[in-house]
Amino acid sequence: MQIGEVAARTGLSLRTIRHYEETGLVTPSARSQGGFRLYTEADVARLMVVRRMKPLGFTLDQMRDLLDATDRLDAGTLPASERDALLERIRGYERDATEQVEKLRTQLARAEEFAATLRARLSPAS
């Protein structure tokens, strides 16, 4: 699929997808004869990982590191020690993601309380 369809499916802008390509996070699987970027389902899945990491505050280097770890795991048979090390890296990202989600839940709860306080002030006194 071309970059426009990928943008529509991922909710990312064309500019963002091109930026992720420039930084090495995602590489189109092919180019058309006309030079258009062509992406596969695997490329879209990779972009979705990046999209999900971004609001949790992960850096581009961290995204690249996680994608590298998952790529290496998916590539095939690894010695047990290397596989264990990669899995531990991924566990670290899972712990960090869980911690960020909890922080976001706390922020959301505070924001909802604030909005409720404002609504209460705007309600006519009974």
Protein backbone atom coordinates (compact mmCIF):
# COMPACT_ATOMS: atom_id res chain seq x y z
CA MET A 1 0.00 0.00 0.00
CA GLN A 2 1.10 3.56 -0.58
CA ILE A 3 1.93 6.09 2.12
CA GLY A 4 -1.49 7.79 1.93
CA GLU A 5 -3.31 4.58 2.80
CA VAL A 6 -0.80 3.88 5.57
CA ALA A 7 -1.41 7.36 6.97
CA ALA A 8 -5.17 6.81 6.93
CA ARG A 9 -4.86 3.42 8.62
CA THR A 10 -2.43 4.54 11.32
CA GLY A 11 -3.71 8.05 11.98
CA LEU A 12 -0.20 9.40 11.37
CA SER A 13 0.52 12.25 9.00
CA LEU A 14 2.53 11.74 5.82
CA ARG A 15 5.19 14.01 7.31
CA THR A 16 5.42 11.90 10.47
CA ILE A 17 5.72 8.67 8.49
CA ARG A 18 8.48 10.21 6.36
CA HIS A 19 10.21 11.42 9.55
CA TYR A 20 10.09 7.93 11.02
CA GLU A 21 11.64 6.65 7.78
CA GLU A 22 14.42 9.27 7.97
CA THR A 23 15.19 8.29 11.56
CA GLY A 24 15.30 4.60 10.69
CA LEU A 25 12.25 3.48 12.66
CA VAL A 26 10.38 2.26 9.61
CA THR A 27 11.51 1.58 6.09
CA PRO A 28 9.09 1.03 3.23
CA SER A 29 9.31 -2.55 2.06
CA ALA A 30 9.56 -1.49 -1.57
CA ARG A 31 9.25 1.34 -4.05
CA SER A 32 6.98 1.42 -7.05
CA GLN A 33 8.39 1.98 -10.53
CA GLY A 34 7.37 5.60 -10.09
CA GLY A 35 9.35 5.83 -6.84
CA PHE A 36 6.37 5.77 -4.47
CA ARG A 37 6.91 4.19 -1.07
CA LEU A 38 5.16 0.85 -0.70
CA TYR A 39 4.34 -0.60 2.70
CA THR A 40 3.28 -4.04 3.90
CA GLU A 41 1.05 -5.05 6.82
CA ALA A 42 4.24 -5.63 8.82
CA ASP A 43 5.31 -2.04 8.13
CA VAL A 44 1.92 -0.79 9.31
CA ALA A 45 2.21 -2.90 12.47
CA ARG A 46 5.65 -1.41 13.11
CA LEU A 47 4.28 2.11 12.71
CA MET A 48 1.48 1.28 15.15
CA VAL A 49 4.07 0.26 17.76
CA VAL A 50 5.75 3.63 17.32
CA ARG A 51 2.40 5.43 17.43
CA ARG A 52 1.49 3.71 20.69
CA MET A 53 4.86 4.43 22.30
CA LYS A 54 4.91 8.14 21.47
CA PRO A 55 2.19 9.35 23.89
CA LEU A 56 3.82 7.35 26.67
CA GLY A 57 6.93 9.51 26.37
CA PHE A 58 9.29 7.01 24.80
CA THR A 59 12.13 8.56 22.80
CA LEU A 60 12.97 7.70 19.21
CA ASP A 61 16.04 5.83 20.47
CA GLN A 62 13.89 3.77 22.82
CA MET A 63 11.44 3.03 20.02
CA ARG A 64 14.31 1.96 17.79
CA ASP A 65 15.72 -0.24 20.57
CA LEU A 66 12.40 -1.98 21.19
CA LEU A 67 11.82 -2.54 17.48
CA ASP A 68 15.34 -3.94 17.17
CA ALA A 69 14.68 -6.36 20.04
CA THR A 70 11.38 -7.55 18.57
CA ASP A 71 12.91 -7.83 15.08
CA ARG A 72 15.71 -9.99 16.43
CA LEU A 73 13.27 -12.20 18.32
CA ASP A 74 11.11 -12.58 15.23
CA ALA A 75 14.09 -13.32 12.96
CA GLY A 76 14.47 -16.88 14.08
CA THR A 77 16.33 -19.19 16.37
CA LEU A 78 18.60 -17.48 18.87
CA PRO A 79 20.83 -18.87 21.59
CA ALA A 80 18.87 -19.05 24.84
CA SER A 81 21.02 -16.41 26.54
CA GLU A 82 20.45 -13.90 23.72
CA ARG A 83 16.72 -14.66 23.62
CA ASP A 84 16.49 -14.19 27.40
CA ALA A 85 18.34 -10.86 27.19
CA LEU A 86 16.00 -9.62 24.45
CA LEU A 87 12.94 -10.71 26.40
CA GLU A 88 14.25 -8.87 29.46
CA ARG A 89 14.68 -5.69 27.38
CA ILE A 90 11.08 -6.01 26.22
CA ARG A 91 9.93 -6.62 29.81
CA GLY A 92 11.64 -3.36 30.78
CA TYR A 93 9.64 -1.51 28.13
CA GLU A 94 6.46 -3.20 29.33
CA ARG A 95 7.18 -2.06 32.90
CA ASP A 96 7.90 1.49 31.71
CA ALA A 97 4.71 1.52 29.62
CA THR A 98 2.63 0.28 32.56
CA GLU A 99 4.14 2.97 34.79
CA GLN A 100 3.34 5.68 32.23
CA VAL A 101 -0.22 4.40 31.82
CA GLU A 102 -0.73 4.68 35.59
CA LYS A 103 0.60 8.24 35.55
CA LEU A 104 -1.76 9.10 32.70
CA ARG A 105 -4.69 7.55 34.61
CA THR A 106 -3.88 9.76 37.59
CA GLN A 107 -3.64 12.84 35.36
CA LEU A 108 -6.93 11.96 33.68
CA ALA A 109 -8.67 11.48 37.03
CA ARG A 110 -7.43 14.89 38.19
CA ALA A 111 -8.55 16.49 34.93
CA GLU A 112 -12.00 14.90 35.27
CA GLU A 113 -12.26 16.16 38.86
CA PHE A 114 -11.33 19.64 37.69
CA ALA A 115 -13.91 19.57 34.89
CA ALA A 116 -16.55 18.38 37.38
CA THR A 117 -15.65 21.24 39.72
CA LEU A 118 -16.10 23.73 36.88
CA ARG A 119 -19.44 22.16 35.90
CA ALA A 120 -20.61 22.41 39.50
CA ARG A 121 -19.73 26.13 39.56
CA LEU A 122 -21.68 26.67 36.35
CA SER A 123 -24.79 24.82 37.55
CA PRO A 124 -27.58 27.05 38.78
CA ALA A 125 -27.85 26.97 42.56
CA SER A 126 -30.72 24.84 43.73
